[in-house]
Amino acid sequence: MLVRAAALAWLALLAGATEESSSGGGSRVAKSTGPPAFFLQDPTDGLCLSGTEFKRCAIDTLWYVTGKPGSYLLHHRKLDEVEDETCLDRVSCTLPEAELRLGNCKHCGAQQWNILGDQEKGYALSQGEKGEHCVQRDGAKATTRPCDGGYVALQLQFATRDDLRAMESLGARLI
């Protein structure tokens, strides 16, 4: 219970973090463009959740959260200003099993996400009124299934301002 309370307090702080630290330093968590960006990484193979699948961690696999515990929106970080705002979204809001996608943040499958756990054991992503749908893997494919069938334990890896600058550079995009 303490782990859950600590995770909820940490995520509430994370969702509200929008101001840049006054001390400046390139190794701090990136906050100048909104909430801190992070990867949702599977430690078993190092791949990151990109929406529909797990793939190599890169600038297009970064996320940030808004909202309150139990009703977060998991926003996909935009690559450029002309890109539409998208969120992690369950294709079906009513079926117990559903594929994941990047979808409209107002869709019912993009609402009510929760992140529970700790850095040591990993974090579970769940969705639904009671958190009944958990993110799972089927090879590289990302899906949701009832949480009693398990979940993928993810690590949250935060991107610093220096990380973001490096990933946004032309050389990094060509790799």
Protein backbone atom coordinates (compact mmCIF):
# COMPACT_ATOMS: atom_id res chain seq x y z
CA MET A 1 0.00 0.00 0.00
CA LEU A 2 2.88 2.38 0.77
CA VAL A 3 4.43 1.65 -2.63
CA ARG A 4 1.12 2.50 -4.32
CA ALA A 5 0.76 5.72 -2.30
CA ALA A 6 4.35 6.73 -3.09
CA ALA A 7 3.85 5.98 -6.80
CA LEU A 8 0.61 8.00 -6.86
CA ALA A 9 2.24 10.95 -5.09
CA TRP A 10 5.21 10.82 -7.47
CA LEU A 11 2.99 10.70 -10.55
CA ALA A 12 0.80 13.55 -9.26
CA LEU A 13 3.95 15.61 -8.90
CA LEU A 14 5.07 14.51 -12.37
CA ALA A 15 1.75 15.46 -13.98
CA GLY A 16 1.94 18.92 -12.48
CA ALA A 17 5.59 19.62 -13.27
CA THR A 18 5.61 22.26 -15.98
CA GLU A 19 8.02 24.91 -14.78
CA GLU A 20 11.70 24.84 -15.56
CA SER A 21 14.12 24.67 -12.68
CA SER A 22 15.85 27.98 -12.00
CA SER A 23 19.27 26.37 -11.59
CA GLY A 24 19.55 25.48 -15.29
CA GLY A 25 21.90 22.44 -16.03
CA GLY A 26 21.59 20.22 -19.04
CA SER A 27 21.33 16.99 -17.09
CA ARG A 28 18.07 17.84 -15.33
CA VAL A 29 14.77 16.29 -16.39
CA ALA A 30 13.34 18.22 -19.34
CA LYS A 31 10.54 20.45 -18.09
CA SER A 32 10.82 23.56 -20.24
CA THR A 33 8.37 22.31 -22.88
CA GLY A 34 5.77 20.92 -20.49
CA PRO A 35 5.70 17.88 -18.24
CA PRO A 36 8.82 15.67 -18.20
CA ALA A 37 9.15 13.25 -21.09
CA PHE A 38 9.86 9.58 -20.40
CA PHE A 39 10.21 6.20 -22.07
CA LEU A 40 8.07 3.22 -21.03
CA GLN A 41 10.73 0.55 -21.41
CA ASP A 42 10.47 -3.22 -21.08
CA PRO A 43 13.63 -4.22 -19.19
CA THR A 44 13.60 -7.76 -20.61
CA ASP A 45 14.76 -6.57 -24.05
CA GLY A 46 15.14 -2.79 -23.71
CA LEU A 47 12.35 -1.99 -26.18
CA CYS A 48 9.99 0.94 -25.56
CA LEU A 49 6.24 1.26 -25.92
CA SER A 50 5.43 3.31 -29.02
CA GLY A 51 1.66 2.88 -29.01
CA THR A 52 0.89 -0.13 -31.19
CA GLU A 53 4.14 -1.96 -30.53
CA PHE A 54 7.39 -2.14 -28.61
CA LYS A 55 10.36 -0.91 -30.59
CA ARG A 56 13.80 0.66 -30.25
CA CYS A 57 13.71 3.60 -27.82
CA ALA A 58 13.92 6.90 -29.72
CA ILE A 59 12.35 10.33 -29.80
CA ASP A 60 9.14 8.83 -31.24
CA THR A 61 8.65 6.61 -28.16
CA LEU A 62 8.53 9.42 -25.57
CA TRP A 63 5.46 10.04 -23.38
CA TYR A 64 4.22 12.49 -20.77
CA VAL A 65 1.22 12.41 -18.43
CA THR A 66 -1.52 14.84 -17.54
CA GLY A 67 -4.42 14.41 -15.15
CA LYS A 68 -4.87 12.82 -11.75
CA PRO A 69 -4.05 9.34 -10.42
CA GLY A 70 -6.44 6.80 -11.93
CA SER A 71 -7.47 9.16 -14.71
CA TYR A 72 -4.23 10.03 -16.47
CA LEU A 73 -3.89 10.71 -20.15
CA LEU A 74 -0.67 9.24 -21.55
CA HIS A 75 0.31 11.71 -24.25
CA HIS A 76 2.64 10.75 -27.05
CA ARG A 77 5.27 13.50 -27.25
CA LYS A 78 4.94 15.44 -30.49
CA LEU A 79 7.84 15.32 -32.91
CA ASP A 80 6.91 18.70 -34.39
CA GLU A 81 4.28 21.41 -33.94
CA VAL A 82 2.12 20.38 -36.89
CA GLU A 83 1.59 16.87 -35.53
CA ASP A 84 -1.81 16.20 -33.95
CA GLU A 85 -2.04 15.57 -30.20
CA THR A 86 -2.30 11.81 -29.63
CA CYS A 87 -2.56 9.61 -26.56
CA LEU A 88 -2.20 5.95 -25.73
CA ASP A 89 -5.61 4.53 -26.64
CA ARG A 90 -7.38 1.19 -26.48
CA VAL A 91 -9.03 0.46 -29.85
CA SER A 92 -12.13 -0.93 -28.09
CA CYS A 93 -13.49 0.54 -24.87
CA THR A 94 -15.83 -2.38 -24.14
CA LEU A 95 -13.97 -5.58 -25.03
CA PRO A 96 -11.82 -7.13 -22.29
CA GLU A 97 -8.93 -7.48 -24.77
CA ALA A 98 -8.00 -4.67 -27.11
CA GLU A 99 -5.10 -3.56 -29.26
CA LEU A 100 -3.35 -0.32 -28.45
CA ARG A 101 -2.83 2.62 -30.78
CA LEU A 102 -2.04 6.30 -30.81
CA GLY A 103 -5.46 7.90 -30.89
CA ASN A 104 -7.56 10.91 -30.06
CA CYS A 105 -7.04 11.93 -26.44
CA LYS A 106 -10.82 12.36 -26.05
CA HIS A 107 -11.61 8.76 -27.06
CA CYS A 108 -12.89 6.58 -24.19
CA GLY A 109 -9.94 4.20 -24.61
CA ALA A 110 -7.47 7.04 -23.97
CA GLN A 111 -9.08 7.98 -20.65
CA GLN A 112 -8.48 6.63 -17.13
CA TRP A 113 -4.93 5.32 -17.35
CA ASN A 114 -3.01 4.56 -14.19
CA ILE A 115 0.65 3.80 -13.53
CA LEU A 116 1.30 1.69 -10.46
CA GLY A 117 4.49 0.20 -9.08
CA ASP A 118 8.02 1.24 -8.29
CA GLN A 119 11.41 1.54 -9.98
CA GLU A 120 12.66 -1.72 -8.46
CA LYS A 121 9.83 -4.06 -9.54
CA GLY A 122 8.58 -2.04 -12.49
CA TYR A 123 5.37 -0.21 -13.31
CA ALA A 124 2.09 -1.61 -14.58
CA LEU A 125 -0.02 0.46 -16.97
CA SER A 126 -3.73 -0.11 -16.43
CA GLN A 127 -6.81 1.45 -17.97
CA GLY A 128 -10.48 1.50 -17.14
CA GLU A 129 -12.82 2.64 -14.42
CA LYS A 130 -11.37 0.07 -12.00
CA GLY A 131 -7.98 -0.30 -13.70
CA GLU A 132 -9.04 -3.68 -15.04
CA HIS A 133 -7.18 -3.60 -18.39
CA CYS A 134 -3.38 -3.97 -18.23
CA VAL A 135 -0.79 -3.45 -20.96
CA GLN A 136 0.72 -6.73 -22.08
CA ARG A 137 3.00 -7.86 -24.87
CA ASP A 138 2.42 -10.34 -27.63
CA GLY A 139 5.88 -10.40 -29.22
CA ALA A 140 6.44 -6.79 -30.27
CA LYS A 141 2.70 -6.03 -30.33
CA ALA A 142 1.19 -4.00 -27.47
CA THR A 143 -2.27 -5.02 -26.24
CA THR A 144 -4.47 -4.79 -23.18
CA ARG A 145 -6.00 -7.75 -21.42
CA PRO A 146 -7.60 -8.28 -18.02
CA CYS A 147 -5.02 -7.55 -15.32
CA ASP A 148 -5.58 -10.88 -13.60
CA GLY A 149 -3.79 -12.40 -16.62
CA GLY A 150 -0.64 -10.40 -15.84
CA TYR A 151 1.03 -7.31 -17.21
CA VAL A 152 4.36 -6.17 -18.61
CA ALA A 153 6.45 -4.54 -15.86
CA LEU A 154 7.83 -1.36 -17.41
CA GLN A 155 10.61 0.98 -16.36
CA LEU A 156 10.17 4.75 -16.61
CA GLN A 157 13.30 6.28 -18.10
CA PHE A 158 13.23 10.07 -18.05
CA ALA A 159 14.76 12.13 -20.84
CA THR A 160 16.96 15.08 -19.88
CA ARG A 161 17.17 18.30 -21.89
CA ASP A 162 20.49 17.05 -23.30
CA ASP A 163 18.87 13.75 -24.28
CA LEU A 164 16.09 15.59 -26.11
CA ARG A 165 18.54 17.86 -27.93
CA ALA A 166 20.59 14.85 -29.04
CA MET A 167 17.50 12.90 -30.21
CA GLU A 168 16.17 15.93 -32.11
CA SER A 169 19.42 16.47 -34.00
CA LEU A 170 19.53 15.65 -37.71
CA GLY A 171 22.22 13.04 -37.20
CA ALA A 172 20.11 11.11 -34.71
CA ARG A 173 17.09 11.13 -37.01
CA LEU A 174 19.09 9.55 -39.82
CA ILE A 175 20.10 6.52 -37.77
